[in-house]
Amino acid sequence: MAAITSAQSGNWSATTTWTGGVVPIEGDTVTIQDTHVVTIDQNITIGDDTTTAAINIAAGGKLELLSTAAADYILTLKGDLTVSGTLEIGTTTNPIPLARKFTIKTNYSATLADGKYGTKVLIGGTCTIQGAALSYDRALLAADAAAAATSLTTSVSTGWKAGDVIGIASTTQTYSQCEKGTLSVDA
C-alpha cells in the first residue's frame, strides 16, 4: 500500500496530521517525524506484513495515548515498531485510568514464513507505559460471616465491582485459611 509520513502534530484520525491528507490504514506503514506528536484516538491496524517497520517513530517524534482517551483502543502491528523518539501511553502524572484499556497486538502476521519471527519492538528512544495504580484497600466485614456463606457485607463502600478478585484473610496466623474469590453481581 503506502508509506505515510506525519505532516504535523495531531490526532491519528485527522487527515491534517498526515502528508497527502490520508489517514494510514492496514497495509500502510507510518513514520512520525521529528517534533510531531501523534495522538491515538481510534483503533489502529498498521503495517504491510513485511520486515518493514509498521510504525517508525523518528528521534524527536512521539506517539501517545492520553489519559483522557475517550474509549478503549487497540494498536495492531503487522510489522515492527521502531521507537527512536517517544512512545508514551499515559504518564506518571496522568496515568491511563482503570476504566480504560489499551492493547498492543504484536506478531500480527498473516504470513509468518520461514525466517520471519513476527513483530519486533525496537526501542532506542523512550517508552513510557503508565496505568493508574490498582487499589489494594482493606475492608472489614460489617458482621461475622456464617460458615459456608456465599455473600459478605463490608463496613465501608469499597468501589469493588463484579469480576474483581479479592483475598479473604484468616482470623488466625494460619495462611492456609486464607481464600480468594471473584466478585459477582447479586441476582
N, C-alpha and C. Protein backbone atom coordinates (compact mmCIF):
# COMPACT_ATOMS: atom_id res chain seq x y z
N MET A 1 0.84 -1.16 0.00
CA MET A 1 0.00 0.00 0.00
C MET A 1 0.89 1.24 0.00
N ALA A 2 0.84 2.08 1.08
CA ALA A 2 1.58 3.35 1.03
C ALA A 2 2.43 3.55 2.27
N ALA A 3 3.53 4.27 2.08
CA ALA A 3 4.36 4.72 3.19
C ALA A 3 3.91 6.14 3.50
N ILE A 4 3.34 6.34 4.70
CA ILE A 4 2.75 7.62 5.05
C ILE A 4 3.57 8.26 6.17
N THR A 5 3.79 9.57 6.05
CA THR A 5 4.61 10.33 6.99
C THR A 5 3.75 11.41 7.63
N SER A 6 4.02 11.68 8.90
CA SER A 6 3.29 12.76 9.57
C SER A 6 3.65 14.10 8.94
N ALA A 7 2.65 14.97 8.84
CA ALA A 7 2.85 16.31 8.29
C ALA A 7 2.93 17.34 9.41
N GLN A 8 2.31 17.00 10.54
CA GLN A 8 2.27 17.89 11.71
C GLN A 8 1.75 17.10 12.89
N SER A 9 1.73 17.70 14.06
CA SER A 9 1.15 17.07 15.24
C SER A 9 -0.37 17.03 15.11
N GLY A 10 -0.99 16.01 15.70
CA GLY A 10 -2.45 15.92 15.68
C GLY A 10 -2.92 14.52 16.00
N ASN A 11 -4.23 14.32 15.95
CA ASN A 11 -4.82 13.01 16.19
C ASN A 11 -4.55 12.08 15.02
N TRP A 12 -4.41 10.79 15.33
CA TRP A 12 -4.18 9.78 14.29
C TRP A 12 -5.28 9.86 13.23
N SER A 13 -6.52 10.06 13.65
CA SER A 13 -7.67 10.03 12.74
C SER A 13 -7.83 11.28 11.89
N ALA A 14 -7.03 12.32 12.14
CA ALA A 14 -7.18 13.59 11.40
C ALA A 14 -6.38 13.57 10.11
N THR A 15 -7.03 13.91 9.01
CA THR A 15 -6.33 13.95 7.72
C THR A 15 -5.21 14.98 7.71
N THR A 16 -5.36 16.04 8.50
CA THR A 16 -4.34 17.10 8.53
C THR A 16 -3.04 16.64 9.20
N THR A 17 -3.10 15.54 9.94
CA THR A 17 -1.90 15.02 10.61
C THR A 17 -0.93 14.39 9.61
N TRP A 18 -1.44 13.94 8.47
CA TRP A 18 -0.66 13.11 7.55
C TRP A 18 -0.38 13.80 6.21
N THR A 19 0.83 13.58 5.71
CA THR A 19 1.21 14.10 4.39
C THR A 19 0.25 13.52 3.35
N GLY A 20 -0.27 14.36 2.50
CA GLY A 20 -1.22 13.92 1.48
C GLY A 20 -2.65 13.87 1.99
N GLY A 21 -2.87 14.13 3.28
CA GLY A 21 -4.22 14.17 3.82
C GLY A 21 -4.89 12.82 3.90
N VAL A 22 -4.10 11.73 3.98
CA VAL A 22 -4.66 10.38 4.02
C VAL A 22 -4.32 9.74 5.36
N VAL A 23 -5.35 9.32 6.09
CA VAL A 23 -5.15 8.64 7.37
C VAL A 23 -4.64 7.22 7.08
N PRO A 24 -3.54 6.82 7.72
CA PRO A 24 -2.99 5.47 7.46
C PRO A 24 -3.96 4.37 7.84
N ILE A 25 -3.96 3.30 7.04
CA ILE A 25 -4.82 2.14 7.27
C ILE A 25 -3.99 0.87 7.18
N GLU A 26 -4.62 -0.26 7.44
CA GLU A 26 -3.95 -1.55 7.34
C GLU A 26 -3.30 -1.69 5.97
N GLY A 27 -2.04 -2.10 5.97
CA GLY A 27 -1.28 -2.22 4.73
C GLY A 27 -0.31 -1.07 4.54
N ASP A 28 -0.60 0.06 5.16
CA ASP A 28 0.31 1.21 5.10
C ASP A 28 1.39 1.08 6.17
N THR A 29 2.47 1.81 5.98
CA THR A 29 3.48 1.96 7.02
C THR A 29 3.55 3.43 7.38
N VAL A 30 3.99 3.73 8.61
CA VAL A 30 3.94 5.09 9.12
C VAL A 30 5.29 5.52 9.67
N THR A 31 5.65 6.77 9.40
CA THR A 31 6.79 7.42 10.06
C THR A 31 6.27 8.69 10.73
N ILE A 32 6.54 8.79 12.03
CA ILE A 32 6.21 10.01 12.76
C ILE A 32 7.50 10.82 12.85
N GLN A 33 7.49 11.99 12.25
CA GLN A 33 8.69 12.79 12.11
C GLN A 33 9.06 13.55 13.38
N ASP A 34 10.33 14.03 13.39
CA ASP A 34 10.86 14.86 14.45
C ASP A 34 9.93 16.03 14.74
N THR A 35 9.68 16.32 15.98
CA THR A 35 8.83 17.40 16.53
C THR A 35 7.33 17.13 16.39
N HIS A 36 6.92 16.06 15.74
CA HIS A 36 5.49 15.77 15.59
C HIS A 36 5.03 14.84 16.71
N VAL A 37 3.85 15.16 17.26
CA VAL A 37 3.22 14.34 18.29
C VAL A 37 1.89 13.85 17.73
N VAL A 38 1.79 12.52 17.56
CA VAL A 38 0.56 11.92 17.03
C VAL A 38 -0.16 11.23 18.18
N THR A 39 -1.43 11.60 18.37
CA THR A 39 -2.24 11.10 19.48
C THR A 39 -3.19 10.02 18.99
N ILE A 40 -3.14 8.86 19.64
CA ILE A 40 -4.02 7.74 19.29
C ILE A 40 -5.43 8.09 19.74
N ASP A 41 -6.38 8.06 18.79
CA ASP A 41 -7.77 8.37 19.12
C ASP A 41 -8.74 7.40 18.43
N GLN A 42 -8.23 6.24 18.03
CA GLN A 42 -9.04 5.22 17.38
C GLN A 42 -8.28 3.89 17.41
N ASN A 43 -8.96 2.80 17.08
CA ASN A 43 -8.27 1.53 16.89
C ASN A 43 -7.42 1.64 15.64
N ILE A 44 -6.24 1.03 15.68
CA ILE A 44 -5.30 1.13 14.55
C ILE A 44 -4.79 -0.26 14.21
N THR A 45 -4.87 -0.63 12.93
CA THR A 45 -4.16 -1.79 12.40
C THR A 45 -3.26 -1.24 11.32
N ILE A 46 -1.95 -1.46 11.48
CA ILE A 46 -0.99 -0.81 10.60
C ILE A 46 0.15 -1.76 10.25
N GLY A 47 0.70 -1.59 9.07
CA GLY A 47 1.82 -2.38 8.61
C GLY A 47 1.46 -3.16 7.37
N ASP A 48 2.51 -3.59 6.66
CA ASP A 48 2.28 -4.31 5.40
C ASP A 48 2.73 -5.76 5.46
N ASP A 49 2.91 -6.30 6.68
CA ASP A 49 3.21 -7.72 6.87
C ASP A 49 4.55 -8.10 6.26
N THR A 50 5.51 -7.15 6.29
CA THR A 50 6.86 -7.43 5.80
C THR A 50 7.84 -7.12 6.92
N THR A 51 9.10 -7.11 6.60
CA THR A 51 10.11 -6.78 7.59
C THR A 51 10.22 -5.27 7.80
N THR A 52 9.50 -4.49 7.00
CA THR A 52 9.49 -3.04 7.14
C THR A 52 8.77 -2.66 8.44
N ALA A 53 9.24 -1.60 9.09
CA ALA A 53 8.58 -1.14 10.32
C ALA A 53 7.14 -0.72 10.00
N ALA A 54 6.19 -1.23 10.78
CA ALA A 54 4.80 -0.79 10.65
C ALA A 54 4.71 0.66 11.09
N ILE A 55 5.39 0.97 12.21
CA ILE A 55 5.47 2.34 12.72
C ILE A 55 6.93 2.64 13.05
N ASN A 56 7.41 3.75 12.54
CA ASN A 56 8.75 4.24 12.85
C ASN A 56 8.58 5.62 13.50
N ILE A 57 8.94 5.71 14.77
CA ILE A 57 8.88 6.99 15.48
C ILE A 57 10.28 7.57 15.45
N ALA A 58 10.48 8.59 14.64
CA ALA A 58 11.80 9.19 14.47
C ALA A 58 12.23 9.90 15.75
N ALA A 59 13.55 10.10 15.91
CA ALA A 59 14.08 10.84 17.05
C ALA A 59 13.39 12.20 17.09
N GLY A 60 12.88 12.56 18.25
CA GLY A 60 12.15 13.82 18.39
C GLY A 60 10.67 13.70 18.09
N GLY A 61 10.23 12.58 17.52
CA GLY A 61 8.80 12.34 17.26
C GLY A 61 8.17 11.61 18.43
N LYS A 62 6.84 11.60 18.46
CA LYS A 62 6.15 10.98 19.59
C LYS A 62 4.81 10.40 19.16
N LEU A 63 4.53 9.18 19.63
CA LEU A 63 3.21 8.56 19.51
C LEU A 63 2.69 8.43 20.93
N GLU A 64 1.48 8.94 21.19
CA GLU A 64 0.97 8.96 22.56
C GLU A 64 -0.48 8.52 22.65
N LEU A 65 -0.82 8.02 23.83
CA LEU A 65 -2.21 7.79 24.22
C LEU A 65 -2.41 8.58 25.49
N LEU A 66 -3.35 9.51 25.46
CA LEU A 66 -3.58 10.39 26.60
C LEU A 66 -4.45 9.71 27.66
N SER A 67 -4.30 10.14 28.90
CA SER A 67 -5.11 9.61 29.99
C SER A 67 -6.58 9.99 29.81
N THR A 68 -6.86 10.95 28.95
CA THR A 68 -8.23 11.39 28.70
C THR A 68 -8.85 10.70 27.49
N ALA A 69 -8.24 9.62 27.01
CA ALA A 69 -8.77 8.91 25.84
C ALA A 69 -10.26 8.61 26.03
N ALA A 70 -11.03 8.78 24.96
CA ALA A 70 -12.48 8.66 25.04
C ALA A 70 -12.97 7.22 25.06
N ALA A 71 -12.10 6.26 24.70
CA ALA A 71 -12.53 4.87 24.60
C ALA A 71 -11.32 3.95 24.80
N ASP A 72 -11.59 2.64 24.83
CA ASP A 72 -10.52 1.64 24.84
C ASP A 72 -10.04 1.50 23.40
N TYR A 73 -8.73 1.41 23.21
CA TYR A 73 -8.17 1.31 21.86
C TYR A 73 -7.22 0.13 21.75
N ILE A 74 -7.08 -0.37 20.50
CA ILE A 74 -6.17 -1.46 20.19
C ILE A 74 -5.24 -1.01 19.07
N LEU A 75 -3.93 -1.19 19.27
CA LEU A 75 -2.93 -0.94 18.23
C LEU A 75 -2.45 -2.30 17.76
N THR A 76 -2.76 -2.66 16.52
CA THR A 76 -2.38 -3.94 15.95
C THR A 76 -1.27 -3.71 14.94
N LEU A 77 -0.13 -4.37 15.17
CA LEU A 77 1.05 -4.17 14.34
C LEU A 77 1.28 -5.35 13.40
N LYS A 78 1.36 -5.05 12.11
CA LYS A 78 1.72 -6.04 11.10
C LYS A 78 3.11 -5.66 10.57
N GLY A 79 4.06 -5.72 11.45
CA GLY A 79 5.43 -5.32 11.17
C GLY A 79 6.01 -4.77 12.46
N ASP A 80 7.24 -4.32 12.39
CA ASP A 80 7.96 -3.87 13.58
C ASP A 80 7.50 -2.50 14.06
N LEU A 81 7.80 -2.23 15.32
CA LEU A 81 7.60 -0.91 15.93
C LEU A 81 8.99 -0.42 16.29
N THR A 82 9.43 0.64 15.63
CA THR A 82 10.75 1.20 15.88
C THR A 82 10.59 2.54 16.58
N VAL A 83 11.13 2.63 17.79
CA VAL A 83 10.99 3.85 18.60
C VAL A 83 12.36 4.48 18.77
N SER A 84 12.65 5.49 17.96
CA SER A 84 13.85 6.30 18.15
C SER A 84 13.49 7.56 18.92
N GLY A 85 12.22 7.93 18.89
CA GLY A 85 11.70 9.08 19.62
C GLY A 85 11.05 8.62 20.90
N THR A 86 9.72 8.84 21.02
CA THR A 86 9.00 8.53 22.26
C THR A 86 7.68 7.82 21.97
N LEU A 87 7.45 6.74 22.69
CA LEU A 87 6.15 6.07 22.75
C LEU A 87 5.66 6.30 24.17
N GLU A 88 4.52 6.98 24.33
CA GLU A 88 4.04 7.35 25.66
C GLU A 88 2.57 6.98 25.81
N ILE A 89 2.33 5.97 26.63
CA ILE A 89 0.98 5.50 26.93
C ILE A 89 0.72 5.87 28.38
N GLY A 90 0.15 7.06 28.60
CA GLY A 90 -0.02 7.58 29.95
C GLY A 90 1.31 8.07 30.50
N THR A 91 1.26 8.81 31.60
CA THR A 91 2.45 9.30 32.28
C THR A 91 2.29 9.09 33.78
N THR A 92 3.35 9.29 34.52
CA THR A 92 3.26 9.17 35.97
C THR A 92 2.25 10.17 36.52
N THR A 93 2.27 11.38 35.99
CA THR A 93 1.35 12.43 36.43
C THR A 93 -0.07 12.19 35.94
N ASN A 94 -0.22 11.69 34.71
CA ASN A 94 -1.54 11.44 34.11
C ASN A 94 -1.61 10.02 33.57
N PRO A 95 -1.73 9.02 34.46
CA PRO A 95 -1.77 7.62 34.02
C PRO A 95 -3.08 7.28 33.31
N ILE A 96 -3.06 6.22 32.53
CA ILE A 96 -4.29 5.72 31.92
C ILE A 96 -5.18 5.23 33.06
N PRO A 97 -6.43 5.72 33.14
CA PRO A 97 -7.30 5.34 34.27
C PRO A 97 -7.71 3.87 34.22
N LEU A 98 -8.09 3.35 35.38
CA LEU A 98 -8.52 1.96 35.47
C LEU A 98 -9.70 1.65 34.56
N ALA A 99 -10.52 2.65 34.25
CA ALA A 99 -11.70 2.44 33.42
C ALA A 99 -11.34 2.29 31.94
N ARG A 100 -10.09 2.50 31.56
CA ARG A 100 -9.65 2.44 30.17
C ARG A 100 -8.71 1.27 29.95
N LYS A 101 -8.74 0.73 28.73
CA LYS A 101 -7.83 -0.36 28.37
C LYS A 101 -7.17 0.00 27.04
N PHE A 102 -5.85 -0.19 26.98
CA PHE A 102 -5.11 -0.01 25.73
C PHE A 102 -4.34 -1.29 25.47
N THR A 103 -4.50 -1.86 24.27
CA THR A 103 -3.87 -3.12 23.92
C THR A 103 -2.96 -2.93 22.71
N ILE A 104 -1.76 -3.47 22.79
CA ILE A 104 -0.87 -3.51 21.63
C ILE A 104 -0.75 -4.97 21.23
N LYS A 105 -1.19 -5.29 20.01
CA LYS A 105 -1.09 -6.65 19.49
C LYS A 105 0.14 -6.71 18.59
N THR A 106 1.07 -7.60 18.94
CA THR A 106 2.26 -7.79 18.13
C THR A 106 2.21 -9.17 17.48
N ASN A 107 3.17 -9.45 16.63
CA ASN A 107 3.21 -10.72 15.90
C ASN A 107 1.93 -10.96 15.12
N TYR A 108 1.32 -9.89 14.68
CA TYR A 108 0.07 -10.00 13.92
C TYR A 108 0.44 -10.12 12.45
N SER A 109 0.68 -11.33 12.03
CA SER A 109 1.12 -11.56 10.66
C SER A 109 0.28 -12.66 10.04
N ALA A 110 -0.18 -12.39 8.85
CA ALA A 110 -0.95 -13.40 8.13
C ALA A 110 -0.03 -14.45 7.52
N THR A 111 1.23 -14.10 7.33
CA THR A 111 2.15 -14.99 6.63
C THR A 111 3.49 -15.08 7.35
N LEU A 112 3.51 -15.74 8.50
CA LEU A 112 4.77 -15.94 9.20
C LEU A 112 5.54 -17.06 8.48
N ALA A 113 6.33 -16.67 7.52
CA ALA A 113 7.10 -17.63 6.72
C ALA A 113 8.41 -17.95 7.42
N ASP A 114 9.13 -18.95 6.87
CA ASP A 114 10.45 -19.30 7.41
C ASP A 114 11.33 -18.07 7.46
N GLY A 115 12.01 -17.90 8.57
CA GLY A 115 12.92 -16.78 8.70
C GLY A 115 12.24 -15.52 9.21
N LYS A 116 10.92 -15.53 9.32
CA LYS A 116 10.22 -14.35 9.84
C LYS A 116 9.65 -14.69 11.21
N TYR A 117 9.96 -13.86 12.18
CA TYR A 117 9.57 -14.15 13.55
C TYR A 117 8.49 -13.23 14.07
N GLY A 118 7.85 -12.49 13.22
CA GLY A 118 6.79 -11.60 13.66
C GLY A 118 7.32 -10.24 14.06
N THR A 119 6.54 -9.54 14.85
CA THR A 119 6.85 -8.16 15.22
C THR A 119 8.01 -8.08 16.20
N LYS A 120 8.88 -7.09 15.95
CA LYS A 120 9.92 -6.74 16.91
C LYS A 120 9.63 -5.32 17.37
N VAL A 121 9.85 -5.08 18.64
CA VAL A 121 9.74 -3.73 19.17
C VAL A 121 11.16 -3.27 19.47
N LEU A 122 11.62 -2.29 18.71
CA LEU A 122 12.98 -1.80 18.81
C LEU A 122 12.96 -0.43 19.47
N ILE A 123 13.47 -0.36 20.68
CA ILE A 123 13.40 0.89 21.43
C ILE A 123 14.80 1.46 21.60
N GLY A 124 15.05 2.56 20.90
CA GLY A 124 16.29 3.29 21.04
C GLY A 124 16.01 4.65 21.66
N GLY A 125 14.72 4.94 21.84
CA GLY A 125 14.28 6.21 22.42
C GLY A 125 13.68 5.95 23.78
N THR A 126 12.52 6.55 24.03
CA THR A 126 11.86 6.46 25.32
C THR A 126 10.51 5.78 25.17
N CYS A 127 10.24 4.83 26.05
CA CYS A 127 8.94 4.15 26.07
C CYS A 127 8.39 4.25 27.48
N THR A 128 7.22 4.89 27.61
CA THR A 128 6.56 5.02 28.91
C THR A 128 5.16 4.43 28.79
N ILE A 129 4.86 3.48 29.67
CA ILE A 129 3.52 2.90 29.73
C ILE A 129 3.11 2.98 31.19
N GLN A 130 2.13 3.85 31.49
CA GLN A 130 1.76 4.10 32.88
C GLN A 130 0.25 4.06 33.05
N GLY A 131 -0.22 3.04 33.75
CA GLY A 131 -1.62 2.97 34.10
C GLY A 131 -1.81 3.38 35.55
N ALA A 132 -3.04 3.64 35.91
CA ALA A 132 -3.36 4.01 37.29
C ALA A 132 -3.06 2.84 38.22
N ALA A 133 -2.63 3.14 39.40
CA ALA A 133 -2.32 2.10 40.39
C ALA A 133 -3.61 1.41 40.82
N LEU A 134 -3.53 0.10 40.93
CA LEU A 134 -4.66 -0.64 41.46
C LEU A 134 -4.75 -0.39 42.95
N SER A 135 -5.95 -0.35 43.44
CA SER A 135 -6.15 -0.13 44.87
C SER A 135 -6.24 -1.48 45.57
N TYR A 136 -5.45 -1.63 46.60
CA TYR A 136 -5.50 -2.86 47.38
C TYR A 136 -5.99 -2.54 48.79
N ASP A 137 -7.04 -1.75 48.85
CA ASP A 137 -7.58 -1.34 50.14
C ASP A 137 -8.13 -2.55 50.90
N ARG A 138 -7.98 -2.45 52.20
CA ARG A 138 -8.56 -3.47 53.07
C ARG A 138 -9.93 -2.99 53.52
N ALA A 139 -10.83 -3.92 53.67
CA ALA A 139 -12.17 -3.58 54.16
C ALA A 139 -12.57 -4.64 55.19
N LEU A 140 -13.06 -4.18 56.30
CA LEU A 140 -13.53 -5.10 57.34
C LEU A 140 -14.98 -5.49 57.05
N LEU A 141 -15.34 -6.68 57.49
CA LEU A 141 -16.73 -7.11 57.34
C LEU A 141 -17.62 -6.36 58.32
N ALA A 142 -18.84 -6.11 57.90
CA ALA A 142 -19.80 -5.43 58.77
C ALA A 142 -20.24 -6.36 59.89
N ALA A 143 -20.20 -7.67 59.64
CA ALA A 143 -20.57 -8.67 60.65
C ALA A 143 -19.82 -9.95 60.31
N ASP A 144 -19.68 -10.83 61.29
CA ASP A 144 -19.04 -12.11 61.04
C ASP A 144 -19.81 -12.87 59.96
N ALA A 145 -19.08 -13.58 59.13
CA ALA A 145 -19.71 -14.38 58.09
C ALA A 145 -20.01 -15.76 58.64
N ALA A 146 -21.16 -16.27 58.30
CA ALA A 146 -21.54 -17.62 58.72
C ALA A 146 -20.74 -18.64 57.93
N ALA A 147 -20.56 -19.82 58.48
CA ALA A 147 -19.88 -20.89 57.76
C ALA A 147 -20.60 -21.14 56.44
N ALA A 148 -19.84 -21.32 55.39
CA ALA A 148 -20.36 -21.59 54.04
C ALA A 148 -21.14 -20.41 53.45
N ALA A 149 -20.94 -19.22 53.98
CA ALA A 149 -21.64 -18.04 53.44
C ALA A 149 -21.19 -17.79 52.00
N THR A 150 -22.12 -17.34 51.17
CA THR A 150 -21.79 -17.02 49.77
C THR A 150 -21.83 -15.53 49.50
N SER A 151 -22.12 -14.74 50.53
CA SER A 151 -22.07 -13.30 50.37
C SER A 151 -21.51 -12.67 51.63
N LEU A 152 -20.84 -11.54 51.44
CA LEU A 152 -20.23 -10.80 52.54
C LEU A 152 -20.62 -9.34 52.41
N THR A 153 -20.75 -8.66 53.52
CA THR A 153 -21.03 -7.22 53.52
C THR A 153 -19.89 -6.52 54.24
N THR A 154 -19.31 -5.52 53.56
CA THR A 154 -18.20 -4.78 54.18
C THR A 154 -18.72 -3.59 54.97
N SER A 155 -17.89 -3.09 55.87
CA SER A 155 -18.28 -1.98 56.73
C SER A 155 -18.14 -0.63 56.03
N VAL A 156 -17.49 -0.60 54.87
CA VAL A 156 -17.30 0.64 54.11
C VAL A 156 -17.58 0.37 52.63
N SER A 157 -17.86 1.42 51.89
CA SER A 157 -18.02 1.30 50.45
C SER A 157 -16.63 1.14 49.84
N THR A 158 -16.42 0.06 49.10
CA THR A 158 -15.08 -0.25 48.61
C THR A 158 -14.85 0.18 47.16
N GLY A 159 -15.89 0.30 46.38
CA GLY A 159 -15.72 0.58 44.96
C GLY A 159 -15.43 -0.68 44.16
N TRP A 160 -15.43 -1.83 44.82
CA TRP A 160 -15.21 -3.09 44.12
C TRP A 160 -16.36 -3.33 43.17
N LYS A 161 -16.09 -4.10 42.11
CA LYS A 161 -17.12 -4.39 41.11
C LYS A 161 -17.06 -5.85 40.70
N ALA A 162 -18.09 -6.29 40.00
CA ALA A 162 -18.15 -7.68 39.52
C ALA A 162 -16.90 -7.98 38.71
N GLY A 163 -16.30 -9.14 38.97
CA GLY A 163 -15.09 -9.56 38.26
C GLY A 163 -13.82 -9.27 39.03
N ASP A 164 -13.87 -8.37 40.02
CA ASP A 164 -12.69 -8.12 40.85
C ASP A 164 -12.37 -9.37 41.65
N VAL A 165 -11.09 -9.61 41.86
CA VAL A 165 -10.65 -10.74 42.68
C VAL A 165 -10.23 -10.18 44.03
N ILE A 166 -10.77 -10.77 45.09
CA ILE A 166 -10.43 -10.30 46.44
C ILE A 166 -9.76 -11.44 47.21
N GLY A 167 -8.96 -11.05 48.18
CA GLY A 167 -8.36 -12.01 49.09
C GLY A 167 -9.07 -11.91 50.42
N ILE A 168 -9.38 -13.05 51.00
CA ILE A 168 -10.06 -13.07 52.29
C ILE A 168 -9.07 -13.65 53.29
N ALA A 169 -8.65 -12.82 54.23
CA ALA A 169 -7.64 -13.22 55.21
C ALA A 169 -8.27 -14.05 56.32
N SER A 170 -7.46 -14.89 56.91
CA SER A 170 -7.93 -15.70 58.03
C SER A 170 -7.95 -14.85 59.30
N THR A 171 -8.60 -15.36 60.30
CA THR A 171 -8.62 -14.65 61.58
C THR A 171 -7.52 -15.16 62.50
N THR A 172 -6.72 -16.09 61.99
CA THR A 172 -5.59 -16.61 62.75
C THR A 172 -4.32 -16.39 61.92
N GLN A 173 -3.21 -16.88 62.38
CA GLN A 173 -1.96 -16.75 61.63
C GLN A 173 -1.72 -17.93 60.72
N THR A 174 -2.74 -18.71 60.45
CA THR A 174 -2.61 -19.89 59.59
C THR A 174 -2.92 -19.48 58.16
N TYR A 175 -1.87 -19.38 57.33
CA TYR A 175 -2.07 -18.91 55.96
C TYR A 175 -2.97 -19.81 55.13
N SER A 176 -3.06 -21.08 55.48
CA SER A 176 -3.88 -22.00 54.69
C SER A 176 -5.37 -21.70 54.84
N GLN A 177 -5.74 -20.85 55.80
CA GLN A 177 -7.14 -20.50 55.98
C GLN A 177 -7.53 -19.28 55.15
N CYS A 178 -6.59 -18.71 54.40
CA CYS A 178 -6.90 -17.58 53.52
C CYS A 178 -7.57 -18.10 52.26
N GLU A 179 -8.41 -17.26 51.68
CA GLU A 179 -9.11 -17.64 50.45
C GLU A 179 -9.08 -16.47 49.49
N LYS A 180 -9.32 -16.77 48.25
CA LYS A 180 -9.54 -15.70 47.28
C LYS A 180 -10.84 -16.00 46.57
N GLY A 181 -11.47 -14.94 46.10
CA GLY A 181 -12.74 -15.12 45.41
C GLY A 181 -12.95 -14.06 44.37
N THR A 182 -13.79 -14.35 43.40
CA THR A 182 -14.13 -13.40 42.35
C THR A 182 -15.53 -12.87 42.63
N LEU A 183 -15.66 -11.56 42.63
CA LEU A 183 -16.95 -10.95 42.95
C LEU A 183 -17.93 -11.11 41.80
N SER A 184 -19.19 -11.30 42.15
CA SER A 184 -20.25 -11.36 41.14
C SER A 184 -21.38 -10.44 41.59
N VAL A 185 -22.29 -10.19 40.69
CA VAL A 185 -23.44 -9.32 40.99
C VAL A 185 -24.55 -10.18 41.58
N ASP A 186 -25.18 -9.67 42.63
CA ASP A 186 -26.32 -10.39 43.23
C ASP A 186 -27.44 -10.47 42.21
N ALA A 187 -28.09 -11.62 42.21
CA ALA A 187 -29.22 -11.81 41.27
C ALA A 187 -30.46 -11.15 41.79
